[in-house]
Amino acid sequence: MTTETTSTGAGPSRRTVLAGAAWSVPVVAVAIATPARAASGDDLGRLVLETATGGSWVNPEYYGASIQLRNDDTHATSTPVADITSGTVTVTFARVDVGDVQPAVIANAGGSSPSVPSLPATDPTWTAAGAVDNGDGTVTYTLLFSGSIAGQGLSRVTFGILGPSPLHSGIDVTVRSTGSPTDGWISEDTYRLY
């Protein structure tokens, strides 16, 4: 079953680079949730994409995004469910919408990562794993989680991806998340970045 949700909010219709600010934060225009596998009945959670925002970053040649994920245990036959202890998020762009292919830059994770005061902090358990030109006109960026998310618990990752100069606006990206241990569910949404 495919469900479609549309979210709107305040924000410019095109990306805006704020003077002295790290991000503009336009809204996600469209999210389409696609279950990759039916519920198995196991008492395991699912690493589900909940929200995403995106725009331009400190350097106007970077797209920025902040994604919130939940260990959704609402399908389980009993609780508590097992904590999700690892996860993967992939973000796929059209090749024409990115610059040089290089790993994403994690923000708000402490250490030498960029600080982006206008967006929530990244959990320190996220790292950028790499970027791959898929050879089919798309590029996929991988982010890895290693920590613990209890049933109905949340995690957030905020990151930047090098784009062309100038950045394109109104582009669609596909985001997928998987976690372990889970029942094999893959959460997939399409987001529009302005």
Protein backbone atom coordinates (compact mmCIF):
# COMPACT_ATOMS: atom_id res chain seq x y z
CA MET A 1 0.00 0.00 0.00
CA THR A 2 1.31 3.44 -0.86
CA THR A 3 0.23 6.47 1.09
CA GLU A 4 0.87 10.04 0.13
CA THR A 5 1.24 12.90 2.53
CA THR A 6 1.87 16.51 1.77
CA SER A 7 3.31 18.91 4.28
CA THR A 8 3.57 22.63 3.91
CA GLY A 9 4.82 25.39 6.11
CA ALA A 10 6.35 28.81 6.22
CA GLY A 11 9.42 29.31 4.13
CA PRO A 12 10.54 30.73 0.85
CA SER A 13 9.36 29.18 -2.36
CA ARG A 14 12.97 29.03 -3.48
CA ARG A 15 16.01 28.38 -1.37
CA THR A 16 17.35 31.41 0.40
CA VAL A 17 20.83 31.85 1.77
CA LEU A 18 20.49 33.81 4.97
CA ALA A 19 23.22 36.33 5.64
CA GLY A 20 25.22 35.14 8.63
CA ALA A 21 23.02 32.07 9.09
CA ALA A 22 24.02 28.53 8.38
CA TRP A 23 20.92 27.22 6.62
CA SER A 24 17.71 28.23 5.06
CA VAL A 25 15.05 25.82 6.15
CA PRO A 26 12.33 25.43 3.53
CA VAL A 27 9.88 22.62 4.03
CA VAL A 28 9.66 19.19 2.52
CA ALA A 29 7.00 19.53 -0.15
CA VAL A 30 6.06 15.91 -0.79
CA ALA A 31 6.73 12.66 1.03
CA ILE A 32 5.60 9.33 -0.35
CA ALA A 33 5.88 6.41 2.09
CA THR A 34 6.41 3.04 0.48
CA PRO A 35 6.48 -0.15 2.54
CA ALA A 36 9.08 -2.49 1.13
CA ARG A 37 7.76 -5.52 2.99
CA ALA A 38 4.58 -6.37 4.83
CA ALA A 39 4.62 -6.67 8.61
CA SER A 40 5.91 -10.03 9.74
CA GLY A 41 4.34 -9.95 13.21
CA ASP A 42 7.74 -10.04 14.89
CA ASP A 43 8.16 -7.92 17.99
CA LEU A 44 10.80 -5.76 16.35
CA GLY A 45 10.83 -2.06 15.63
CA ARG A 46 11.25 -0.28 12.33
CA LEU A 47 13.60 2.61 11.54
CA VAL A 48 10.99 4.87 9.94
CA LEU A 49 11.64 8.23 8.27
CA GLU A 50 9.48 10.79 10.09
CA THR A 51 10.45 14.26 8.91
CA ALA A 52 12.97 15.96 6.68
CA THR A 53 13.81 19.56 5.94
CA GLY A 54 16.35 20.88 3.50
CA GLY A 55 17.79 23.90 1.79
CA SER A 56 21.16 25.53 1.24
CA TRP A 57 24.02 25.27 3.70
CA VAL A 58 26.75 27.58 5.07
CA ASN A 59 28.55 27.32 1.78
CA PRO A 60 25.88 28.04 -0.85
CA GLU A 61 27.23 25.18 -2.96
CA TYR A 62 25.97 22.63 -0.42
CA TYR A 63 22.49 21.23 -0.02
CA GLY A 64 21.59 20.66 3.59
CA ALA A 65 19.11 18.25 5.09
CA SER A 66 17.97 17.21 8.53
CA ILE A 67 16.16 13.88 8.87
CA GLN A 68 14.36 12.56 11.95
CA LEU A 69 13.82 8.81 12.31
CA ARG A 70 11.78 6.77 14.81
CA ASN A 71 11.96 3.19 16.03
CA ASP A 72 8.27 2.66 15.28
CA ASP A 73 6.96 -0.27 17.32
CA THR A 74 3.26 0.30 16.66
CA HIS A 75 2.99 -2.79 14.42
CA ALA A 76 4.48 -5.12 17.05
CA THR A 77 2.25 -7.69 18.76
CA SER A 78 3.84 -6.90 22.12
CA THR A 79 6.18 -4.33 23.62
CA PRO A 80 8.80 -3.39 24.43
CA VAL A 81 10.52 -4.14 21.15
CA ALA A 82 14.26 -4.65 20.74
CA ASP A 83 16.33 -1.48 20.51
CA ILE A 84 17.56 -0.65 17.01
CA THR A 85 21.35 -0.65 17.35
CA SER A 86 22.44 0.06 13.79
CA GLY A 87 20.91 1.70 10.77
CA THR A 88 21.56 2.97 7.30
CA VAL A 89 20.10 5.99 5.53
CA THR A 90 20.71 6.49 1.83
CA VAL A 91 19.94 9.71 -0.03
CA THR A 92 19.78 9.53 -3.83
CA PHE A 93 20.06 12.60 -6.05
CA ALA A 94 19.93 12.93 -9.83
CA ARG A 95 23.56 13.17 -11.02
CA VAL A 96 22.88 16.52 -12.69
CA ASP A 97 21.90 18.00 -9.28
CA VAL A 98 25.22 17.31 -7.52
CA GLY A 99 28.78 18.52 -7.89
CA ASP A 100 31.87 16.39 -7.30
CA VAL A 101 30.89 13.07 -5.75
CA GLN A 102 32.18 13.06 -2.17
CA PRO A 103 30.75 11.85 1.16
CA ALA A 104 28.14 13.92 2.96
CA VAL A 105 29.34 16.22 5.75
CA ILE A 106 27.70 15.52 9.12
CA ALA A 107 26.67 18.68 11.00
CA ASN A 108 26.03 19.32 14.69
CA ALA A 109 27.73 16.10 15.77
CA GLY A 110 30.47 17.72 17.84
CA GLY A 111 34.20 17.69 17.20
CA SER A 112 35.13 19.29 13.88
CA SER A 113 31.66 19.00 12.33
CA PRO A 114 29.98 22.26 11.27
CA SER A 115 27.59 23.84 13.75
CA VAL A 116 24.19 24.73 12.32
CA PRO A 117 22.32 26.59 15.08
CA SER A 118 19.01 26.80 13.21
CA LEU A 119 18.56 23.00 13.07
CA PRO A 120 18.46 20.26 15.72
CA ALA A 121 21.71 18.56 16.61
CA THR A 122 22.78 15.31 14.99
CA ASP A 123 22.97 12.37 17.36
CA PRO A 124 26.72 11.69 17.80
CA THR A 125 26.20 8.13 16.61
CA TRP A 126 25.84 9.08 12.89
CA THR A 127 28.73 9.01 10.41
CA ALA A 128 29.05 9.60 6.67
CA ALA A 129 29.96 6.34 4.95
CA GLY A 130 30.50 7.39 1.35
CA ALA A 131 29.02 8.46 -1.97
CA VAL A 132 28.62 6.43 -5.15
CA ASP A 133 27.87 7.45 -8.73
CA ASN A 134 25.44 4.66 -9.65
CA GLY A 135 26.13 4.95 -13.38
CA ASP A 136 22.41 5.34 -14.10
CA GLY A 137 22.16 9.11 -13.76
CA THR A 138 21.93 9.04 -9.95
CA VAL A 139 24.30 9.46 -7.00
CA THR A 140 23.68 7.81 -3.61
CA TYR A 141 25.04 9.10 -0.28
CA THR A 142 25.16 6.75 2.71
CA LEU A 143 24.85 7.68 6.40
CA LEU A 144 25.36 5.08 9.15
CA PHE A 145 23.89 4.89 12.66
CA SER A 146 25.47 2.94 15.50
CA GLY A 147 23.89 3.42 18.91
CA SER A 148 20.56 2.53 20.50
CA ILE A 149 17.00 3.64 19.71
CA ALA A 150 14.31 2.18 21.99
CA GLY A 151 10.74 1.61 20.85
CA GLN A 152 9.21 4.96 19.85
CA GLY A 153 12.62 6.58 20.38
CA LEU A 154 14.00 9.17 17.96
CA SER A 155 17.27 9.89 16.21
CA ARG A 156 18.22 12.79 13.95
CA VAL A 157 20.95 13.31 11.39
CA THR A 158 21.80 16.70 9.86
CA PHE A 159 24.18 16.76 6.90
CA GLY A 160 25.38 18.63 3.81
CA ILE A 161 25.93 17.36 0.25
CA LEU A 162 28.07 19.18 -2.32
CA GLY A 163 25.96 20.48 -5.18
CA PRO A 164 26.68 22.27 -8.44
CA SER A 165 27.37 25.99 -8.52
CA PRO A 166 24.81 27.46 -8.46
CA LEU A 167 22.63 25.00 -6.55
CA HIS A 168 19.48 23.77 -8.23
CA SER A 169 16.14 24.29 -6.50
CA GLY A 170 12.94 22.28 -6.48
CA ILE A 171 14.76 18.95 -6.83
CA ASP A 172 13.46 15.57 -5.69
CA VAL A 173 15.62 13.19 -3.66
CA THR A 174 14.86 9.65 -2.54
CA VAL A 175 15.64 8.74 1.08
CA ARG A 176 15.63 5.15 2.39
CA SER A 177 16.21 3.89 5.91
CA THR A 178 16.78 0.43 7.34
CA GLY A 179 17.68 -0.65 10.84
CA SER A 180 18.78 -3.69 12.76
CA PRO A 181 17.32 -5.63 14.42
CA THR A 182 14.06 -5.13 12.51
CA ASP A 183 11.53 -7.24 10.66
CA GLY A 184 13.07 -6.27 7.31
CA TRP A 185 11.05 -3.08 6.81
CA ILE A 186 12.54 -0.43 4.52
CA SER A 187 11.17 3.08 4.87
CA GLU A 188 11.37 5.12 1.65
CA ASP A 189 10.23 8.69 0.98
CA THR A 190 10.67 11.21 -1.81
CA TYR A 191 11.44 14.75 -0.65
CA ARG A 192 11.65 18.00 -2.58
CA LEU A 193 14.45 20.41 -1.69
CA TYR A 194 13.96 24.10 -2.46
